[in-house]
Amino acid sequence: MKPFSELLSLAGRTAVVTGGASGIGLAIAQRLAGQGAVVCLVDRNEKVAEIAVGLGSQHCGVHTDVTDEAAIATACSTILSQLGHVDILVNNAGIALIASAAELETSAWDLTMAINLRAPFLFARALGPAMCKKGFGRIVNIASQAALVALDKHAAYGASKAGILGLTKVLAFEWGPSGVTVNAISPTVVETELGKQVWSGPVGDAFRAQVPTGRFAQPDEIACAVAYLVSNAAAMVNGENLVVDGGYTIR
């Protein structure tokens, strides 16, 4: 029996994290790098390469607009030229435009779908087949508790994240036989700097009170869940949605 620490090691692996320059994405990148992976951050932040090198000189960053299909294709080519190959893909980039369904602009709906659902598909389509060809790959899609329960003013966001769960299952079914596992993670509110701002005050207090653990998640708690799913410890986990919400959705 191998030591658990050995199963969790990502030494020799390469990883791509979209939305990796800040928040949950940066925490994921830090955790994967800490486990031994060489990480490429993909982000709209023009300083993404600088942020990546801050994790270590072996890491890299690619600036791109994930709403642009051609830009994603170019980014993937750049990633492959820098990493050589990709073992791990974490589709983390996302957006939450909050409005009631009756007031939700079509443009907001379309932008949400482009970032939250289409971009993960495009990255998976660009990088997944090569994983299948070499017989190993790990893809983790960041979904949300909003994919599982109805949240007020989250029509576009909830629909996009529910779509992520559907995409995850189909990719897991199609690519599992080739050694590529595809899973999702559905967090509750995560206390990134932005999350703290959005969920401060009475609204945040009221929501937090509905979480059985009595608190929101920390970025590294999501990162640790990702690190498990992409490791050899989770080699038999495929097509699953790991809910990291303190029990909010069990009610």
C-alpha atoms as a PDB file:
ATOM      1  CA  MET A   1       0.000   0.000   0.000  1.00  0.00           C
ATOM      2  CA  LYS A   2       1.397   3.371  -1.028  1.00  0.00           C
ATOM      3  CA  PRO A   3       1.559   6.166   1.561  1.00  0.00           C
ATOM      4  CA  PHE A   4      -1.329   8.595   1.169  1.00  0.00           C
ATOM      5  CA  SER A   5       1.131  11.454   0.749  1.00  0.00           C
ATOM      6  CA  GLU A   6       2.575   9.676  -2.287  1.00  0.00           C
ATOM      7  CA  LEU A   7      -0.880   9.282  -3.812  1.00  0.00           C
ATOM      8  CA  LEU A   8      -1.505  13.013  -3.397  1.00  0.00           C
ATOM      9  CA  SER A   9       1.784  14.011  -5.021  1.00  0.00           C
ATOM     10  CA  LEU A  10       1.560  15.808  -8.354  1.00  0.00           C
ATOM     11  CA  ALA A  11       5.271  15.670  -9.084  1.00  0.00           C
ATOM     12  CA  GLY A  12       5.830  15.491 -12.829  1.00  0.00           C
ATOM     13  CA  ARG A  13       2.308  16.670 -13.628  1.00  0.00           C
ATOM     14  CA  THR A  14       1.352  19.798 -15.545  1.00  0.00           C
ATOM     15  CA  ALA A  15      -1.798  21.751 -14.769  1.00  0.00           C
ATOM     16  CA  VAL A  16      -3.862  24.544 -16.304  1.00  0.00           C
ATOM     17  CA  VAL A  17      -6.072  26.691 -14.079  1.00  0.00           C
ATOM     18  CA  THR A  18      -8.435  29.163 -15.726  1.00  0.00           C
ATOM     19  CA  GLY A  19      -9.230  32.279 -13.740  1.00  0.00           C
ATOM     20  CA  GLY A  20      -6.002  31.505 -11.925  1.00  0.00           C
ATOM     21  CA  ALA A  21      -4.697  34.988 -11.170  1.00  0.00           C
ATOM     22  CA  SER A  22      -6.829  35.627  -8.090  1.00  0.00           C
ATOM     23  CA  GLY A  23      -9.389  34.248  -5.671  1.00  0.00           C
ATOM     24  CA  ILE A  24     -10.269  30.566  -5.807  1.00  0.00           C
ATOM     25  CA  GLY A  25      -8.217  30.046  -8.957  1.00  0.00           C
ATOM     26  CA  LEU A  26      -5.028  31.371  -7.394  1.00  0.00           C
ATOM     27  CA  ALA A  27      -5.599  29.240  -4.296  1.00  0.00           C
ATOM     28  CA  ILE A  28      -5.996  26.190  -6.555  1.00  0.00           C
ATOM     29  CA  ALA A  29      -2.812  27.062  -8.428  1.00  0.00           C
ATOM     30  CA  GLN A  30      -0.897  27.501  -5.177  1.00  0.00           C
ATOM     31  CA  ARG A  31      -2.119  24.164  -3.842  1.00  0.00           C
ATOM     32  CA  LEU A  32      -1.327  22.250  -7.055  1.00  0.00           C
ATOM     33  CA  ALA A  33       2.106  23.856  -7.246  1.00  0.00           C
ATOM     34  CA  GLY A  34       2.675  22.936  -3.616  1.00  0.00           C
ATOM     35  CA  GLN A  35       1.889  19.310  -4.473  1.00  0.00           C
ATOM     36  CA  GLY A  36       4.555  19.362  -7.172  1.00  0.00           C
ATOM     37  CA  ALA A  37       2.730  20.273 -10.382  1.00  0.00           C
ATOM     38  CA  VAL A  38       3.972  22.790 -12.920  1.00  0.00           C
ATOM     39  CA  VAL A  39       1.075  25.199 -13.305  1.00  0.00           C
ATOM     40  CA  CYS A  40      -0.073  27.507 -16.090  1.00  0.00           C
ATOM     41  CA  LEU A  41      -2.498  30.231 -15.065  1.00  0.00           C
ATOM     42  CA  VAL A  42      -4.991  31.496 -17.637  1.00  0.00           C
ATOM     43  CA  ASP A  43      -6.623  34.822 -16.873  1.00  0.00           C
ATOM     44  CA  ARG A  44      -7.796  38.137 -18.304  1.00  0.00           C
ATOM     45  CA  ASN A  45      -5.479  39.894 -15.836  1.00  0.00           C
ATOM     46  CA  GLU A  46      -2.610  41.276 -17.885  1.00  0.00           C
ATOM     47  CA  LYS A  47      -0.220  40.543 -15.011  1.00  0.00           C
ATOM     48  CA  VAL A  48      -1.051  36.826 -15.009  1.00  0.00           C
ATOM     49  CA  ALA A  49       2.448  35.796 -16.121  1.00  0.00           C
ATOM     50  CA  GLU A  50       3.990  37.827 -13.322  1.00  0.00           C
ATOM     51  CA  ILE A  51       1.581  36.284 -10.812  1.00  0.00           C
ATOM     52  CA  ALA A  52       2.433  32.797 -12.075  1.00  0.00           C
ATOM     53  CA  VAL A  53       6.170  33.315 -11.712  1.00  0.00           C
ATOM     54  CA  GLY A  54       5.456  34.420  -8.154  1.00  0.00           C
ATOM     55  CA  LEU A  55       4.610  30.773  -7.496  1.00  0.00           C
ATOM     56  CA  GLY A  56       8.014  29.731  -8.819  1.00  0.00           C
ATOM     57  CA  SER A  57      10.046  30.295 -11.951  1.00  0.00           C
ATOM     58  CA  GLN A  58       8.854  27.034 -13.524  1.00  0.00           C
ATOM     59  CA  HIS A  59       5.239  28.204 -13.680  1.00  0.00           C
ATOM     60  CA  CYS A  60       3.708  30.318 -16.443  1.00  0.00           C
ATOM     61  CA  GLY A  61       0.731  32.529 -17.186  1.00  0.00           C
ATOM     62  CA  VAL A  62      -1.294  33.155 -20.329  1.00  0.00           C
ATOM     63  CA  HIS A  63      -3.418  36.255 -20.760  1.00  0.00           C
ATOM     64  CA  THR A  64      -6.651  35.587 -22.651  1.00  0.00           C
ATOM     65  CA  ASP A  65     -10.335  36.437 -22.964  1.00  0.00           C
ATOM     66  CA  VAL A  66     -12.341  33.285 -22.267  1.00  0.00           C
ATOM     67  CA  THR A  67     -15.406  34.738 -24.008  1.00  0.00           C
ATOM     68  CA  ASP A  68     -13.522  34.578 -27.327  1.00  0.00           C
ATOM     69  CA  GLU A  69     -13.321  31.145 -28.961  1.00  0.00           C
ATOM     70  CA  ALA A  70     -10.367  32.081 -31.141  1.00  0.00           C
ATOM     71  CA  ALA A  71      -8.530  33.511 -28.139  1.00  0.00           C
ATOM     72  CA  ILE A  72      -9.045  30.248 -26.241  1.00  0.00           C
ATOM     73  CA  ALA A  73      -7.635  28.266 -29.161  1.00  0.00           C
ATOM     74  CA  THR A  74      -4.599  30.543 -29.257  1.00  0.00           C
ATOM     75  CA  ALA A  75      -4.194  30.293 -25.489  1.00  0.00           C
ATOM     76  CA  CYS A  76      -4.247  26.495 -25.629  1.00  0.00           C
ATOM     77  CA  SER A  77      -1.569  26.499 -28.324  1.00  0.00           C
ATOM     78  CA  THR A  78       0.550  28.798 -26.164  1.00  0.00           C
ATOM     79  CA  ILE A  79      -0.009  26.594 -23.125  1.00  0.00           C
ATOM     80  CA  LEU A  80       1.117  23.490 -25.008  1.00  0.00           C
ATOM     81  CA  SER A  81       4.183  25.267 -26.341  1.00  0.00           C
ATOM     82  CA  GLN A  82       5.169  26.230 -22.796  1.00  0.00           C
ATOM     83  CA  LEU A  83       4.218  23.072 -20.897  1.00  0.00           C
ATOM     84  CA  GLY A  84       4.713  20.473 -23.629  1.00  0.00           C
ATOM     85  CA  HIS A  85       1.575  18.636 -22.562  1.00  0.00           C
ATOM     86  CA  VAL A  86      -1.299  19.072 -20.103  1.00  0.00           C
ATOM     87  CA  ASP A  87      -2.198  16.480 -17.473  1.00  0.00           C
ATOM     88  CA  ILE A  88      -4.683  18.517 -15.435  1.00  0.00           C
ATOM     89  CA  LEU A  89      -7.297  21.101 -16.435  1.00  0.00           C
ATOM     90  CA  VAL A  90      -9.213  23.082 -13.838  1.00  0.00           C
ATOM     91  CA  ASN A  91     -12.040  25.116 -15.348  1.00  0.00           C
ATOM     92  CA  ASN A  92     -12.419  27.756 -12.662  1.00  0.00           C
ATOM     93  CA  ALA A  93     -13.027  31.064 -14.470  1.00  0.00           C
ATOM     94  CA  GLY A  94     -16.526  32.315 -13.803  1.00  0.00           C
ATOM     95  CA  ILE A  95     -18.844  35.264 -13.442  1.00  0.00           C
ATOM     96  CA  ALA A  96     -21.965  35.940 -11.393  1.00  0.00           C
ATOM     97  CA  LEU A  97     -24.313  38.628 -12.717  1.00  0.00           C
ATOM     98  CA  ILE A  98     -27.117  38.839 -10.198  1.00  0.00           C
ATOM     99  CA  ALA A  99     -30.617  39.890 -11.235  1.00  0.00           C
ATOM    100  CA  SER A 100     -34.155  38.599 -10.982  1.00  0.00           C
ATOM    101  CA  ALA A 101     -35.245  36.545 -13.983  1.00  0.00           C
ATOM    102  CA  ALA A 102     -37.728  39.223 -15.052  1.00  0.00           C
ATOM    103  CA  GLU A 103     -35.017  41.890 -15.050  1.00  0.00           C
ATOM    104  CA  LEU A 104     -32.135  39.825 -16.409  1.00  0.00           C
ATOM    105  CA  GLU A 105     -30.779  41.285 -19.643  1.00  0.00           C
ATOM    106  CA  THR A 106     -30.170  38.892 -22.519  1.00  0.00           C
ATOM    107  CA  SER A 107     -26.627  40.234 -22.767  1.00  0.00           C
ATOM    108  CA  ALA A 108     -26.005  39.262 -19.129  1.00  0.00           C
ATOM    109  CA  TRP A 109     -27.392  35.782 -19.787  1.00  0.00           C
ATOM    110  CA  ASP A 110     -25.194  35.342 -22.864  1.00  0.00           C
ATOM    111  CA  LEU A 111     -22.051  36.578 -21.092  1.00  0.00           C
ATOM    112  CA  THR A 112     -22.685  34.241 -18.166  1.00  0.00           C
ATOM    113  CA  MET A 113     -23.083  31.256 -20.478  1.00  0.00           C
ATOM    114  CA  ALA A 114     -20.004  32.213 -22.487  1.00  0.00           C
ATOM    115  CA  ILE A 115     -17.741  32.340 -19.440  1.00  0.00           C
ATOM    116  CA  ASN A 116     -19.295  29.747 -17.145  1.00  0.00           C
ATOM    117  CA  LEU A 117     -20.333  27.048 -19.617  1.00  0.00           C
ATOM    118  CA  ARG A 118     -18.984  27.541 -23.128  1.00  0.00           C
ATOM    119  CA  ALA A 119     -15.402  28.316 -22.072  1.00  0.00           C
ATOM    120  CA  PRO A 120     -15.028  25.132 -19.976  1.00  0.00           C
ATOM    121  CA  PHE A 121     -16.299  23.128 -22.943  1.00  0.00           C
ATOM    122  CA  LEU A 122     -13.864  24.842 -25.304  1.00  0.00           C
ATOM    123  CA  PHE A 123     -10.878  24.280 -23.006  1.00  0.00           C
ATOM    124  CA  ALA A 124     -11.870  20.647 -22.482  1.00  0.00           C
ATOM    125  CA  ARG A 125     -12.360  20.115 -26.212  1.00  0.00           C
ATOM    126  CA  ALA A 126      -8.977  21.659 -26.958  1.00  0.00           C
ATOM    127  CA  LEU A 127      -6.974  19.808 -24.302  1.00  0.00           C
ATOM    128  CA  GLY A 128      -8.965  16.662 -23.510  1.00  0.00           C
ATOM    129  CA  PRO A 129      -8.343  14.602 -26.673  1.00  0.00           C
ATOM    130  CA  ALA A 130      -4.574  14.717 -26.138  1.00  0.00           C
ATOM    131  CA  MET A 131      -5.117  13.507 -22.567  1.00  0.00           C
ATOM    132  CA  CYS A 132      -7.146  10.608 -23.950  1.00  0.00           C
ATOM    133  CA  LYS A 133      -4.450   9.786 -26.483  1.00  0.00           C
ATOM    134  CA  LYS A 134      -1.740   9.496 -23.827  1.00  0.00           C
ATOM    135  CA  GLY A 135      -4.040   7.623 -21.453  1.00  0.00           C
ATOM    136  CA  PHE A 136      -4.100  10.027 -18.526  1.00  0.00           C
ATOM    137  CA  GLY A 137      -5.896  13.218 -17.614  1.00  0.00           C
ATOM    138  CA  ARG A 138      -7.759  14.981 -14.858  1.00  0.00           C
ATOM    139  CA  ILE A 139     -10.391  17.645 -15.463  1.00  0.00           C
ATOM    140  CA  VAL A 140     -12.167  19.468 -12.653  1.00  0.00           C
ATOM    141  CA  ASN A 141     -14.978  21.905 -13.391  1.00  0.00           C
ATOM    142  CA  ILE A 142     -15.910  24.415 -10.713  1.00  0.00           C
ATOM    143  CA  ALA A 143     -19.701  24.463 -10.441  1.00  0.00           C
ATOM    144  CA  SER A 144     -21.721  25.842  -7.509  1.00  0.00           C
ATOM    145  CA  GLN A 145     -24.380  25.053  -4.954  1.00  0.00           C
ATOM    146  CA  ALA A 146     -26.531  27.194  -7.262  1.00  0.00           C
ATOM    147  CA  ALA A 147     -26.567  24.203  -9.623  1.00  0.00           C
ATOM    148  CA  LEU A 148     -28.358  22.169  -6.956  1.00  0.00           C
ATOM    149  CA  VAL A 149     -30.769  24.543  -5.228  1.00  0.00           C
ATOM    150  CA  ALA A 150     -32.723  27.628  -6.268  1.00  0.00           C
ATOM    151  CA  LEU A 151     -31.025  30.861  -5.234  1.00  0.00           C
ATOM    152  CA  ASP A 152     -32.813  34.172  -5.633  1.00  0.00           C
ATOM    153  CA  LYS A 153     -31.604  36.289  -8.566  1.00  0.00           C
ATOM    154  CA  HIS A 154     -29.310  33.523  -9.827  1.00  0.00           C
ATOM    155  CA  ALA A 155     -31.199  32.439 -12.976  1.00  0.00           C
ATOM    156  CA  ALA A 156     -28.275  32.762 -15.381  1.00  0.00           C
ATOM    157  CA  TYR A 157     -25.646  31.677 -12.883  1.00  0.00           C
ATOM    158  CA  GLY A 158     -27.608  28.669 -11.663  1.00  0.00           C
ATOM    159  CA  ALA A 159     -28.424  27.557 -15.192  1.00  0.00           C
ATOM    160  CA  SER A 160     -24.793  27.839 -16.270  1.00  0.00           C
ATOM    161  CA  LYS A 161     -23.556  25.837 -13.300  1.00  0.00           C
ATOM    162  CA  ALA A 162     -26.250  23.180 -13.770  1.00  0.00           C
ATOM    163  CA  GLY A 163     -24.993  22.935 -17.329  1.00  0.00           C
ATOM    164  CA  ILE A 164     -21.484  22.370 -15.997  1.00  0.00           C
ATOM    165  CA  LEU A 165     -22.721  19.332 -14.079  1.00  0.00           C
ATOM    166  CA  GLY A 166     -24.268  17.923 -17.251  1.00  0.00           C
ATOM    167  CA  LEU A 167     -21.104  18.563 -19.241  1.00  0.00           C
ATOM    168  CA  THR A 168     -19.020  16.934 -16.514  1.00  0.00           C
ATOM    169  CA  LYS A 169     -21.037  13.722 -16.642  1.00  0.00           C
ATOM    170  CA  VAL A 170     -20.915  13.408 -20.427  1.00  0.00           C
ATOM    171  CA  LEU A 171     -17.168  14.040 -20.616  1.00  0.00           C
ATOM    172  CA  ALA A 172     -16.604  11.566 -17.779  1.00  0.00           C
ATOM    173  CA  PHE A 173     -18.605   8.952 -19.679  1.00  0.00           C
ATOM    174  CA  GLU A 174     -16.883   9.571 -23.006  1.00  0.00           C
ATOM    175  CA  TRP A 175     -13.312   9.981 -21.777  1.00  0.00           C
ATOM    176  CA  GLY A 176     -13.224   7.709 -18.734  1.00  0.00           C
ATOM    177  CA  PRO A 177     -12.311   4.636 -20.818  1.00  0.00           C
ATOM    178  CA  SER A 178      -9.207   6.514 -22.001  1.00  0.00           C
ATOM    179  CA  GLY A 179      -7.907   7.206 -18.496  1.00  0.00           C
ATOM    180  CA  VAL A 180      -9.291  10.730 -18.187  1.00  0.00           C
ATOM    181  CA  THR A 181     -11.486  11.474 -15.185  1.00  0.00           C
ATOM    182  CA  VAL A 182     -13.810  14.469 -15.174  1.00  0.00           C
ATOM    183  CA  ASN A 183     -15.387  15.745 -11.975  1.00  0.00           C
ATOM    184  CA  ALA A 184     -17.020  18.877 -10.617  1.00  0.00           C
ATOM    185  CA  ILE A 185     -16.891  20.774  -7.340  1.00  0.00           C
ATOM    186  CA  SER A 186     -19.864  22.771  -6.067  1.00  0.00           C
ATOM    187  CA  PRO A 187     -18.848  25.267  -3.388  1.00  0.00           C
ATOM    188  CA  THR A 188     -20.968  27.459  -1.189  1.00  0.00           C
ATOM    189  CA  VAL A 189     -19.997  31.127  -0.868  1.00  0.00           C
ATOM    190  CA  VAL A 190     -16.207  31.337  -0.763  1.00  0.00           C
ATOM    191  CA  GLU A 191     -14.532  34.099   1.204  1.00  0.00           C
ATOM    192  CA  THR A 192     -12.270  35.512  -1.461  1.00  0.00           C
ATOM    193  CA  GLU A 193     -11.666  39.251  -1.267  1.00  0.00           C
ATOM    194  CA  LEU A 194     -14.581  39.782  -3.653  1.00  0.00           C
ATOM    195  CA  GLY A 195     -16.729  37.281  -1.782  1.00  0.00           C
ATOM    196  CA  LYS A 196     -16.147  39.086   1.484  1.00  0.00           C
ATOM    197  CA  GLN A 197     -17.303  42.347  -0.086  1.00  0.00           C
ATOM    198  CA  VAL A 198     -20.402  40.902  -1.736  1.00  0.00           C
ATOM    199  CA  TRP A 199     -21.527  38.879   1.273  1.00  0.00           C
ATOM    200  CA  SER A 200     -20.748  41.345   4.045  1.00  0.00           C
ATOM    201  CA  GLY A 201     -23.409  42.781   6.353  1.00  0.00           C
ATOM    202  CA  PRO A 202     -26.912  41.498   7.096  1.00  0.00           C
ATOM    203  CA  VAL A 203     -27.339  39.641   3.784  1.00  0.00           C
ATOM    204  CA  GLY A 204     -24.209  37.607   4.356  1.00  0.00           C
ATOM    205  CA  ASP A 205     -25.045  37.008   8.006  1.00  0.00           C
ATOM    206  CA  ALA A 206     -28.488  35.681   7.076  1.00  0.00           C
ATOM    207  CA  PHE A 207     -27.094  33.341   4.430  1.00  0.00           C
ATOM    208  CA  ARG A 208     -24.284  32.144   6.668  1.00  0.00           C
ATOM    209  CA  ALA A 209     -26.811  31.265   9.356  1.00  0.00           C
ATOM    210  CA  GLN A 210     -28.367  28.736   6.956  1.00  0.00           C
ATOM    211  CA  VAL A 211     -25.103  26.819   6.571  1.00  0.00           C
ATOM    212  CA  PRO A 212     -24.961  23.972   9.123  1.00  0.00           C
ATOM    213  CA  THR A 213     -21.263  24.592   9.789  1.00  0.00           C
ATOM    214  CA  GLY A 214     -22.072  28.242  10.473  1.00  0.00           C
ATOM    215  CA  ARG A 215     -19.547  29.722   8.073  1.00  0.00           C
ATOM    216  CA  PHE A 216     -18.582  30.164   4.435  1.00  0.00           C
ATOM    217  CA  ALA A 217     -15.753  28.303   2.697  1.00  0.00           C
ATOM    218  CA  GLN A 218     -12.160  29.451   2.447  1.00  0.00           C
ATOM    219  CA  PRO A 219     -10.401  29.450  -0.953  1.00  0.00           C
ATOM    220  CA  ASP A 220      -7.900  26.795   0.106  1.00  0.00           C
ATOM    221  CA  GLU A 221     -10.720  24.455   1.123  1.00  0.00           C
ATOM    222  CA  ILE A 222     -11.845  24.425  -2.495  1.00  0.00           C
ATOM    223  CA  ALA A 223      -8.234  24.092  -3.612  1.00  0.00           C
ATOM    224  CA  CYS A 224      -7.724  21.043  -1.388  1.00  0.00           C
ATOM    225  CA  ALA A 225     -10.800  19.406  -2.914  1.00  0.00           C
ATOM    226  CA  VAL A 226      -9.340  20.007  -6.367  1.00  0.00           C
ATOM    227  CA  ALA A 227      -5.947  18.657  -5.294  1.00  0.00           C
ATOM    228  CA  TYR A 228      -7.623  15.437  -4.171  1.00  0.00           C
ATOM    229  CA  LEU A 229      -9.650  14.961  -7.353  1.00  0.00           C
ATOM    230  CA  VAL A 230      -6.647  15.426  -9.649  1.00  0.00           C
ATOM    231  CA  SER A 231      -4.430  13.084  -7.616  1.00  0.00           C
ATOM    232  CA  ASN A 232      -3.942   9.331  -7.839  1.00  0.00           C
ATOM    233  CA  ALA A 233      -5.905   9.051  -4.604  1.00  0.00           C
ATOM    234  CA  ALA A 234      -9.044   9.814  -6.629  1.00  0.00           C
ATOM    235  CA  ALA A 235      -8.260   7.661  -9.655  1.00  0.00           C
ATOM    236  CA  MET A 236     -11.609   5.850  -9.369  1.00  0.00           C
ATOM    237  CA  VAL A 237     -13.670   9.018  -8.868  1.00  0.00           C
ATOM    238  CA  ASN A 238     -15.258   9.978 -12.184  1.00  0.00           C
ATOM    239  CA  GLY A 239     -18.345  11.969 -13.148  1.00  0.00           C
ATOM    240  CA  GLU A 240     -18.956  13.113  -9.583  1.00  0.00           C
ATOM    241  CA  ASN A 241     -19.907  16.451  -8.077  1.00  0.00           C
ATOM    242  CA  LEU A 242     -18.076  17.081  -4.808  1.00  0.00           C
ATOM    243  CA  VAL A 243     -20.218  19.505  -2.824  1.00  0.00           C
ATOM    244  CA  VAL A 244     -18.164  21.739  -0.523  1.00  0.00           C
ATOM    245  CA  ASP A 245     -20.889  23.785   1.123  1.00  0.00           C
ATOM    246  CA  GLY A 246     -20.843  23.043   4.831  1.00  0.00           C
ATOM    247  CA  GLY A 247     -24.082  21.120   4.416  1.00  0.00           C
ATOM    248  CA  TYR A 248     -26.164  23.957   2.954  1.00  0.00           C
ATOM    249  CA  THR A 249     -27.768  21.784   0.271  1.00  0.00           C
ATOM    250  CA  ILE A 250     -28.692  18.881   2.582  1.00  0.00           C
ATOM    251  CA  ARG A 251     -31.650  20.757   4.029  1.00  0.00           C
END
